[in-house]
Amino acid sequence: MQNPFSRDQIKNYLFFYAGIIAIIILFYILNTYLNPIQVHEQKVFDSNTTMIPIMEEAPEENKPEIEEKNTIRLLDKAY
């Protein structure tokens, strides 16, 4: 059985693959050197502070009453 690929096709494929890898490495190097990552200042939270007091709910008399109207009717039978 003969080889379906000639040596030139395999060589061209390997050169193409190496070229793609070289382009990827080139873009990675250009991206890291020309676009430096900015270092942000680390925030430090004070854990020794006391908790903020939670607001108490308004008294019951000031709350408006909401009329509860059931607009959904249930069926007599469950299907």
PDB file of N, CA and C in Angstrom:
ATOM      1  N   MET A   1       0.847  -1.182   0.000  1.00  0.00           N
ATOM      2  CA  MET A   1       0.000   0.000   0.000  1.00  0.00           C
ATOM      3  C   MET A   1       0.890   1.242   0.000  1.00  0.00           C
ATOM      4  N   GLN A   2       0.524   2.167  -0.830  1.00  0.00           N
ATOM      5  CA  GLN A   2       1.328   3.370  -0.943  1.00  0.00           C
ATOM      6  C   GLN A   2       0.838   4.423   0.050  1.00  0.00           C
ATOM      7  N   ASN A   3       1.730   5.318   0.395  1.00  0.00           N
ATOM      8  CA  ASN A   3       1.396   6.412   1.309  1.00  0.00           C
ATOM      9  C   ASN A   3       0.512   7.421   0.569  1.00  0.00           C
ATOM     10  N   PRO A   4      -0.687   7.714   1.078  1.00  0.00           N
ATOM     11  CA  PRO A   4      -1.555   8.659   0.361  1.00  0.00           C
ATOM     12  C   PRO A   4      -1.044  10.096   0.421  1.00  0.00           C
ATOM     13  N   PHE A   5      -0.161  10.390   1.358  1.00  0.00           N
ATOM     14  CA  PHE A   5       0.380  11.743   1.470  1.00  0.00           C
ATOM     15  C   PHE A   5       1.831  11.741   1.016  1.00  0.00           C
ATOM     16  N   SER A   6       2.160  12.698   0.227  1.00  0.00           N
ATOM     17  CA  SER A   6       3.564  12.812  -0.168  1.00  0.00           C
ATOM     18  C   SER A   6       4.327  13.532   0.947  1.00  0.00           C
ATOM     19  N   ARG A   7       5.607  13.476   0.893  1.00  0.00           N
ATOM     20  CA  ARG A   7       6.421  14.120   1.926  1.00  0.00           C
ATOM     21  C   ARG A   7       6.211  15.634   1.917  1.00  0.00           C
ATOM     22  N   ASP A   8       5.947  16.197   0.765  1.00  0.00           N
ATOM     23  CA  ASP A   8       5.759  17.644   0.680  1.00  0.00           C
ATOM     24  C   ASP A   8       4.496  18.086   1.410  1.00  0.00           C
ATOM     25  N   GLN A   9       3.436  17.297   1.330  1.00  0.00           N
ATOM     26  CA  GLN A   9       2.198  17.666   2.018  1.00  0.00           C
ATOM     27  C   GLN A   9       2.384  17.631   3.530  1.00  0.00           C
ATOM     28  N   ILE A  10       3.069  16.617   4.031  1.00  0.00           N
ATOM     29  CA  ILE A  10       3.306  16.518   5.473  1.00  0.00           C
ATOM     30  C   ILE A  10       4.196  17.667   5.934  1.00  0.00           C
ATOM     31  N   LYS A  11       5.228  17.977   5.135  1.00  0.00           N
ATOM     32  CA  LYS A  11       6.130  19.071   5.486  1.00  0.00           C
ATOM     33  C   LYS A  11       5.376  20.401   5.489  1.00  0.00           C
ATOM     34  N   ASN A  12       4.516  20.624   4.500  1.00  0.00           N
ATOM     35  CA  ASN A  12       3.733  21.860   4.457  1.00  0.00           C
ATOM     36  C   ASN A  12       2.774  21.950   5.641  1.00  0.00           C
ATOM     37  N   TYR A  13       2.177  20.822   6.017  1.00  0.00           N
ATOM     38  CA  TYR A  13       1.274  20.813   7.163  1.00  0.00           C
ATOM     39  C   TYR A  13       2.021  21.171   8.445  1.00  0.00           C
ATOM     40  N   LEU A  14       3.206  20.602   8.635  1.00  0.00           N
ATOM     41  CA  LEU A  14       3.987  20.904   9.840  1.00  0.00           C
ATOM     42  C   LEU A  14       4.430  22.364   9.866  1.00  0.00           C
ATOM     43  N   PHE A  15       4.814  22.913   8.707  1.00  0.00           N
ATOM     44  CA  PHE A  15       5.169  24.338   8.655  1.00  0.00           C
ATOM     45  C   PHE A  15       3.961  25.221   8.969  1.00  0.00           C
ATOM     46  N   PHE A  16       2.807  24.846   8.456  1.00  0.00           N
ATOM     47  CA  PHE A  16       1.584  25.606   8.737  1.00  0.00           C
ATOM     48  C   PHE A  16       1.263  25.573  10.230  1.00  0.00           C
ATOM     49  N   TYR A  17       1.356  24.399  10.830  1.00  0.00           N
ATOM     50  CA  TYR A  17       1.082  24.243  12.259  1.00  0.00           C
ATOM     51  C   TYR A  17       2.078  25.051  13.092  1.00  0.00           C
ATOM     52  N   ALA A  18       3.361  24.997  12.744  1.00  0.00           N
ATOM     53  CA  ALA A  18       4.382  25.756  13.465  1.00  0.00           C
ATOM     54  C   ALA A  18       4.157  27.258  13.306  1.00  0.00           C
ATOM     55  N   GLY A  19       3.702  27.684  12.131  1.00  0.00           N
ATOM     56  CA  GLY A  19       3.413  29.102  11.918  1.00  0.00           C
ATOM     57  C   GLY A  19       2.265  29.588  12.786  1.00  0.00           C
ATOM     58  N   ILE A  20       1.221  28.774  12.906  1.00  0.00           N
ATOM     59  CA  ILE A  20       0.083  29.147  13.755  1.00  0.00           C
ATOM     60  C   ILE A  20       0.522  29.261  15.208  1.00  0.00           C
ATOM     61  N   ILE A  21       1.317  28.311  15.680  1.00  0.00           N
ATOM     62  CA  ILE A  21       1.816  28.348  17.057  1.00  0.00           C
ATOM     63  C   ILE A  21       2.698  29.579  17.270  1.00  0.00           C
ATOM     64  N   ALA A  22       3.536  29.915  16.291  1.00  0.00           N
ATOM     65  CA  ALA A  22       4.401  31.091  16.403  1.00  0.00           C
ATOM     66  C   ALA A  22       3.573  32.370  16.475  1.00  0.00           C
ATOM     67  N   ILE A  23       2.496  32.449  15.695  1.00  0.00           N
ATOM     68  CA  ILE A  23       1.630  33.632  15.733  1.00  0.00           C
ATOM     69  C   ILE A  23       0.946  33.751  17.086  1.00  0.00           C
ATOM     70  N   ILE A  24       0.490  32.639  17.650  1.00  0.00           N
ATOM     71  CA  ILE A  24      -0.152  32.665  18.969  1.00  0.00           C
ATOM     72  C   ILE A  24       0.834  33.145  20.030  1.00  0.00           C
ATOM     73  N   ILE A  25       2.062  32.629  19.992  1.00  0.00           N
ATOM     74  CA  ILE A  25       3.078  33.044  20.966  1.00  0.00           C
ATOM     75  C   ILE A  25       3.422  34.518  20.783  1.00  0.00           C
ATOM     76  N   LEU A  26       3.511  34.983  19.539  1.00  0.00           N
ATOM     77  CA  LEU A  26       3.808  36.388  19.268  1.00  0.00           C
ATOM     78  C   LEU A  26       2.718  37.297  19.826  1.00  0.00           C
ATOM     79  N   PHE A  27       1.449  36.949  19.608  1.00  0.00           N
ATOM     80  CA  PHE A  27       0.357  37.759  20.146  1.00  0.00           C
ATOM     81  C   PHE A  27       0.362  37.758  21.669  1.00  0.00           C
ATOM     82  N   TYR A  28       0.694  36.630  22.281  1.00  0.00           N
ATOM     83  CA  TYR A  28       0.753  36.567  23.745  1.00  0.00           C
ATOM     84  C   TYR A  28       1.853  37.486  24.275  1.00  0.00           C
ATOM     85  N   ILE A  29       3.024  37.448  23.644  1.00  0.00           N
ATOM     86  CA  ILE A  29       4.134  38.294  24.093  1.00  0.00           C
ATOM     87  C   ILE A  29       3.797  39.766  23.904  1.00  0.00           C
ATOM     88  N   LEU A  30       3.230  40.120  22.757  1.00  0.00           N
ATOM     89  CA  LEU A  30       2.868  41.516  22.521  1.00  0.00           C
ATOM     90  C   LEU A  30       1.791  41.985  23.491  1.00  0.00           C
ATOM     91  N   ASN A  31       0.856  41.131  23.811  1.00  0.00           N
ATOM     92  CA  ASN A  31      -0.224  41.505  24.717  1.00  0.00           C
ATOM     93  C   ASN A  31       0.299  41.719  26.135  1.00  0.00           C
ATOM     94  N   THR A  32       1.236  40.900  26.580  1.00  0.00           N
ATOM     95  CA  THR A  32       1.721  41.036  27.952  1.00  0.00           C
ATOM     96  C   THR A  32       2.696  42.197  28.102  1.00  0.00           C
ATOM     97  N   TYR A  33       3.485  42.496  27.096  1.00  0.00           N
ATOM     98  CA  TYR A  33       4.458  43.579  27.228  1.00  0.00           C
ATOM     99  C   TYR A  33       3.873  44.945  26.898  1.00  0.00           C
ATOM    100  N   LEU A  34       3.018  45.042  25.932  1.00  0.00           N
ATOM    101  CA  LEU A  34       2.495  46.342  25.517  1.00  0.00           C
ATOM    102  C   LEU A  34       1.251  46.761  26.285  1.00  0.00           C
ATOM    103  N   ASN A  35       0.596  45.842  26.960  1.00  0.00           N
ATOM    104  CA  ASN A  35      -0.613  46.159  27.716  1.00  0.00           C
ATOM    105  C   ASN A  35      -0.439  45.644  29.147  1.00  0.00           C
ATOM    106  N   PRO A  36       0.332  46.376  29.966  1.00  0.00           N
ATOM    107  CA  PRO A  36       0.590  45.871  31.319  1.00  0.00           C
ATOM    108  C   PRO A  36      -0.675  45.889  32.172  1.00  0.00           C
ATOM    109  N   ILE A  37      -0.766  44.941  33.057  1.00  0.00           N
ATOM    110  CA  ILE A  37      -1.915  44.846  33.956  1.00  0.00           C
ATOM    111  C   ILE A  37      -1.699  45.819  35.104  1.00  0.00           C
ATOM    112  N   GLN A  38      -2.695  46.659  35.363  1.00  0.00           N
ATOM    113  CA  GLN A  38      -2.586  47.631  36.447  1.00  0.00           C
ATOM    114  C   GLN A  38      -2.830  46.928  37.773  1.00  0.00           C
ATOM    115  N   VAL A  39      -1.991  47.265  38.746  1.00  0.00           N
ATOM    116  CA  VAL A  39      -2.135  46.677  40.073  1.00  0.00           C
ATOM    117  C   VAL A  39      -2.993  47.621  40.897  1.00  0.00           C
ATOM    118  N   HIS A  40      -4.083  47.100  41.440  1.00  0.00           N
ATOM    119  CA  HIS A  40      -4.985  47.912  42.233  1.00  0.00           C
ATOM    120  C   HIS A  40      -4.617  47.818  43.701  1.00  0.00           C
ATOM    121  N   GLU A  41      -4.904  48.903  44.416  1.00  0.00           N
ATOM    122  CA  GLU A  41      -4.627  48.927  45.845  1.00  0.00           C
ATOM    123  C   GLU A  41      -5.578  47.979  46.562  1.00  0.00           C
ATOM    124  N   GLN A  42      -5.024  47.175  47.446  1.00  0.00           N
ATOM    125  CA  GLN A  42      -5.845  46.206  48.161  1.00  0.00           C
ATOM    126  C   GLN A  42      -6.593  46.916  49.279  1.00  0.00           C
ATOM    127  N   LYS A  43      -7.890  46.690  49.348  1.00  0.00           N
ATOM    128  CA  LYS A  43      -8.706  47.314  50.377  1.00  0.00           C
ATOM    129  C   LYS A  43      -8.629  46.485  51.651  1.00  0.00           C
ATOM    130  N   VAL A  44      -8.520  47.187  52.779  1.00  0.00           N
ATOM    131  CA  VAL A  44      -8.470  46.516  54.071  1.00  0.00           C
ATOM    132  C   VAL A  44      -9.707  46.942  54.838  1.00  0.00           C
ATOM    133  N   PHE A  45     -10.489  45.978  55.274  1.00  0.00           N
ATOM    134  CA  PHE A  45     -11.709  46.271  56.004  1.00  0.00           C
ATOM    135  C   PHE A  45     -11.446  46.144  57.491  1.00  0.00           C
ATOM    136  N   ASP A  46     -11.992  47.101  58.251  1.00  0.00           N
ATOM    137  CA  ASP A  46     -11.815  47.095  59.697  1.00  0.00           C
ATOM    138  C   ASP A  46     -12.847  46.160  60.303  1.00  0.00           C
ATOM    139  N   SER A  47     -12.381  45.066  60.851  1.00  0.00           N
ATOM    140  CA  SER A  47     -13.305  44.093  61.432  1.00  0.00           C
ATOM    141  C   SER A  47     -13.584  44.367  62.900  1.00  0.00           C
ATOM    142  N   ASN A  48     -12.957  45.398  63.467  1.00  0.00           N
ATOM    143  CA  ASN A  48     -13.156  45.707  64.881  1.00  0.00           C
ATOM    144  C   ASN A  48     -14.311  46.681  65.115  1.00  0.00           C
ATOM    145  N   THR A  49     -14.948  47.153  64.074  1.00  0.00           N
ATOM    146  CA  THR A  49     -16.048  48.099  64.253  1.00  0.00           C
ATOM    147  C   THR A  49     -17.298  47.361  64.695  1.00  0.00           C
ATOM    148  N   THR A  50     -18.193  48.100  65.349  1.00  0.00           N
ATOM    149  CA  THR A  50     -19.444  47.498  65.793  1.00  0.00           C
ATOM    150  C   THR A  50     -20.424  47.484  64.635  1.00  0.00           C
ATOM    151  N   MET A  51     -21.418  46.653  64.763  1.00  0.00           N
ATOM    152  CA  MET A  51     -22.414  46.534  63.701  1.00  0.00           C
ATOM    153  C   MET A  51     -23.338  47.744  63.710  1.00  0.00           C
ATOM    154  N   ILE A  52     -23.816  48.113  62.558  1.00  0.00           N
ATOM    155  CA  ILE A  52     -24.773  49.209  62.435  1.00  0.00           C
ATOM    156  C   ILE A  52     -26.108  48.711  62.971  1.00  0.00           C
ATOM    157  N   PRO A  53     -26.746  49.485  63.847  1.00  0.00           N
ATOM    158  CA  PRO A  53     -28.024  49.007  64.399  1.00  0.00           C
ATOM    159  C   PRO A  53     -29.088  48.907  63.306  1.00  0.00           C
ATOM    160  N   ILE A  54     -29.874  47.869  63.390  1.00  0.00           N
ATOM    161  CA  ILE A  54     -30.932  47.633  62.411  1.00  0.00           C
ATOM    162  C   ILE A  54     -32.127  48.499  62.780  1.00  0.00           C
ATOM    163  N   MET A  55     -32.701  49.153  61.788  1.00  0.00           N
ATOM    164  CA  MET A  55     -33.852  50.022  62.050  1.00  0.00           C
ATOM    165  C   MET A  55     -35.043  49.177  62.469  1.00  0.00           C
ATOM    166  N   GLU A  56     -35.752  49.676  63.458  1.00  0.00           N
ATOM    167  CA  GLU A  56     -36.932  48.963  63.921  1.00  0.00           C
ATOM    168  C   GLU A  56     -38.079  49.192  62.946  1.00  0.00           C
ATOM    169  N   GLU A  57     -38.986  48.242  62.907  1.00  0.00           N
ATOM    170  CA  GLU A  57     -40.124  48.363  62.004  1.00  0.00           C
ATOM    171  C   GLU A  57     -41.086  49.424  62.523  1.00  0.00           C
ATOM    172  N   ALA A  58     -41.832  50.011  61.622  1.00  0.00           N
ATOM    173  CA  ALA A  58     -42.817  51.027  61.994  1.00  0.00           C
ATOM    174  C   ALA A  58     -43.924  50.371  62.812  1.00  0.00           C
ATOM    175  N   PRO A  59     -44.514  51.113  63.720  1.00  0.00           N
ATOM    176  CA  PRO A  59     -45.609  50.539  64.522  1.00  0.00           C
ATOM    177  C   PRO A  59     -46.766  50.083  63.634  1.00  0.00           C
ATOM    178  N   GLU A  60     -47.540  49.139  64.152  1.00  0.00           N
ATOM    179  CA  GLU A  60     -48.638  48.550  63.390  1.00  0.00           C
ATOM    180  C   GLU A  60     -49.694  49.578  63.006  1.00  0.00           C
ATOM    181  N   GLU A  61     -49.904  50.570  63.832  1.00  0.00           N
ATOM    182  CA  GLU A  61     -50.981  51.530  63.560  1.00  0.00           C
ATOM    183  C   GLU A  61     -50.677  52.426  62.366  1.00  0.00           C
ATOM    184  N   ASN A  62     -49.406  52.612  62.030  1.00  0.00           N
ATOM    185  CA  ASN A  62     -49.055  53.479  60.908  1.00  0.00           C
ATOM    186  C   ASN A  62     -49.090  52.754  59.562  1.00  0.00           C
ATOM    187  N   LYS A  63     -49.118  51.427  59.596  1.00  0.00           N
ATOM    188  CA  LYS A  63     -49.120  50.677  58.346  1.00  0.00           C
ATOM    189  C   LYS A  63     -50.521  50.667  57.742  1.00  0.00           C
ATOM    190  N   PRO A  64     -50.630  50.966  56.469  1.00  0.00           N
ATOM    191  CA  PRO A  64     -51.961  50.900  55.840  1.00  0.00           C
ATOM    192  C   PRO A  64     -52.397  49.445  55.695  1.00  0.00           C
ATOM    193  N   GLU A  65     -53.658  49.220  55.901  1.00  0.00           N
ATOM    194  CA  GLU A  65     -54.177  47.862  55.792  1.00  0.00           C
ATOM    195  C   GLU A  65     -54.410  47.520  54.321  1.00  0.00           C
ATOM    196  N   ILE A  66     -54.001  46.359  53.960  1.00  0.00           N
ATOM    197  CA  ILE A  66     -54.151  45.896  52.583  1.00  0.00           C
ATOM    198  C   ILE A  66     -55.295  44.901  52.559  1.00  0.00           C
ATOM    199  N   GLU A  67     -56.265  45.186  51.711  1.00  0.00           N
ATOM    200  CA  GLU A  67     -57.391  44.269  51.591  1.00  0.00           C
ATOM    201  C   GLU A  67     -56.939  43.049  50.797  1.00  0.00           C
ATOM    202  N   GLU A  68     -57.191  41.907  51.347  1.00  0.00           N
ATOM    203  CA  GLU A  68     -56.797  40.677  50.676  1.00  0.00           C
ATOM    204  C   GLU A  68     -57.981  40.142  49.894  1.00  0.00           C
ATOM    205  N   LYS A  69     -57.915  40.304  48.600  1.00  0.00           N
ATOM    206  CA  LYS A  69     -58.958  39.778  47.728  1.00  0.00           C
ATOM    207  C   LYS A  69     -58.358  38.628  46.946  1.00  0.00           C
ATOM    208  N   ASN A  70     -58.991  37.493  47.053  1.00  0.00           N
ATOM    209  CA  ASN A  70     -58.509  36.335  46.328  1.00  0.00           C
ATOM    210  C   ASN A  70     -59.134  36.344  44.935  1.00  0.00           C
ATOM    211  N   THR A  71     -58.322  36.603  43.940  1.00  0.00           N
ATOM    212  CA  THR A  71     -58.825  36.668  42.565  1.00  0.00           C
ATOM    213  C   THR A  71     -58.706  35.321  41.866  1.00  0.00           C
ATOM    214  N   ILE A  72     -58.138  34.342  42.533  1.00  0.00           N
ATOM    215  CA  ILE A  72     -57.963  33.024  41.926  1.00  0.00           C
ATOM    216  C   ILE A  72     -59.036  32.093  42.471  1.00  0.00           C
ATOM    217  N   ARG A  73     -59.777  31.483  41.570  1.00  0.00           N
ATOM    218  CA  ARG A  73     -60.789  30.506  41.992  1.00  0.00           C
ATOM    219  C   ARG A  73     -60.240  29.114  41.777  1.00  0.00           C
ATOM    220  N   LEU A  74     -60.390  28.272  42.771  1.00  0.00           N
ATOM    221  CA  LEU A  74     -59.948  26.893  42.648  1.00  0.00           C
ATOM    222  C   LEU A  74     -61.044  26.060  41.999  1.00  0.00           C
ATOM    223  N   LEU A  75     -60.641  25.047  41.274  1.00  0.00           N
ATOM    224  CA  LEU A  75     -61.607  24.162  40.642  1.00  0.00           C
ATOM    225  C   LEU A  75     -62.186  23.201  41.674  1.00  0.00           C
ATOM    226  N   ASP A  76     -63.390  22.692  41.378  1.00  0.00           N
ATOM    227  CA  ASP A  76     -64.020  21.746  42.292  1.00  0.00           C
ATOM    228  C   ASP A  76     -63.282  20.417  42.307  1.00  0.00           C
ATOM    229  N   LYS A  77     -62.759  20.018  41.167  1.00  0.00           N
ATOM    230  CA  LYS A  77     -62.066  18.736  41.061  1.00  0.00           C
ATOM    231  C   LYS A  77     -60.628  18.973  40.608  1.00  0.00           C
ATOM    232  N   ALA A  78     -59.756  18.106  41.054  1.00  0.00           N
ATOM    233  CA  ALA A  78     -58.373  18.153  40.588  1.00  0.00           C
ATOM    234  C   ALA A  78     -58.238  17.194  39.411  1.00  0.00           C
ATOM    235  N   TYR A  79     -57.747  17.686  38.303  1.00  0.00           N
ATOM    236  CA  TYR A  79     -57.628  16.849  37.112  1.00  0.00           C
ATOM    237  C   TYR A  79     -56.235  16.339  36.979  1.00  0.00           C
TER     238      TYR A  79
END
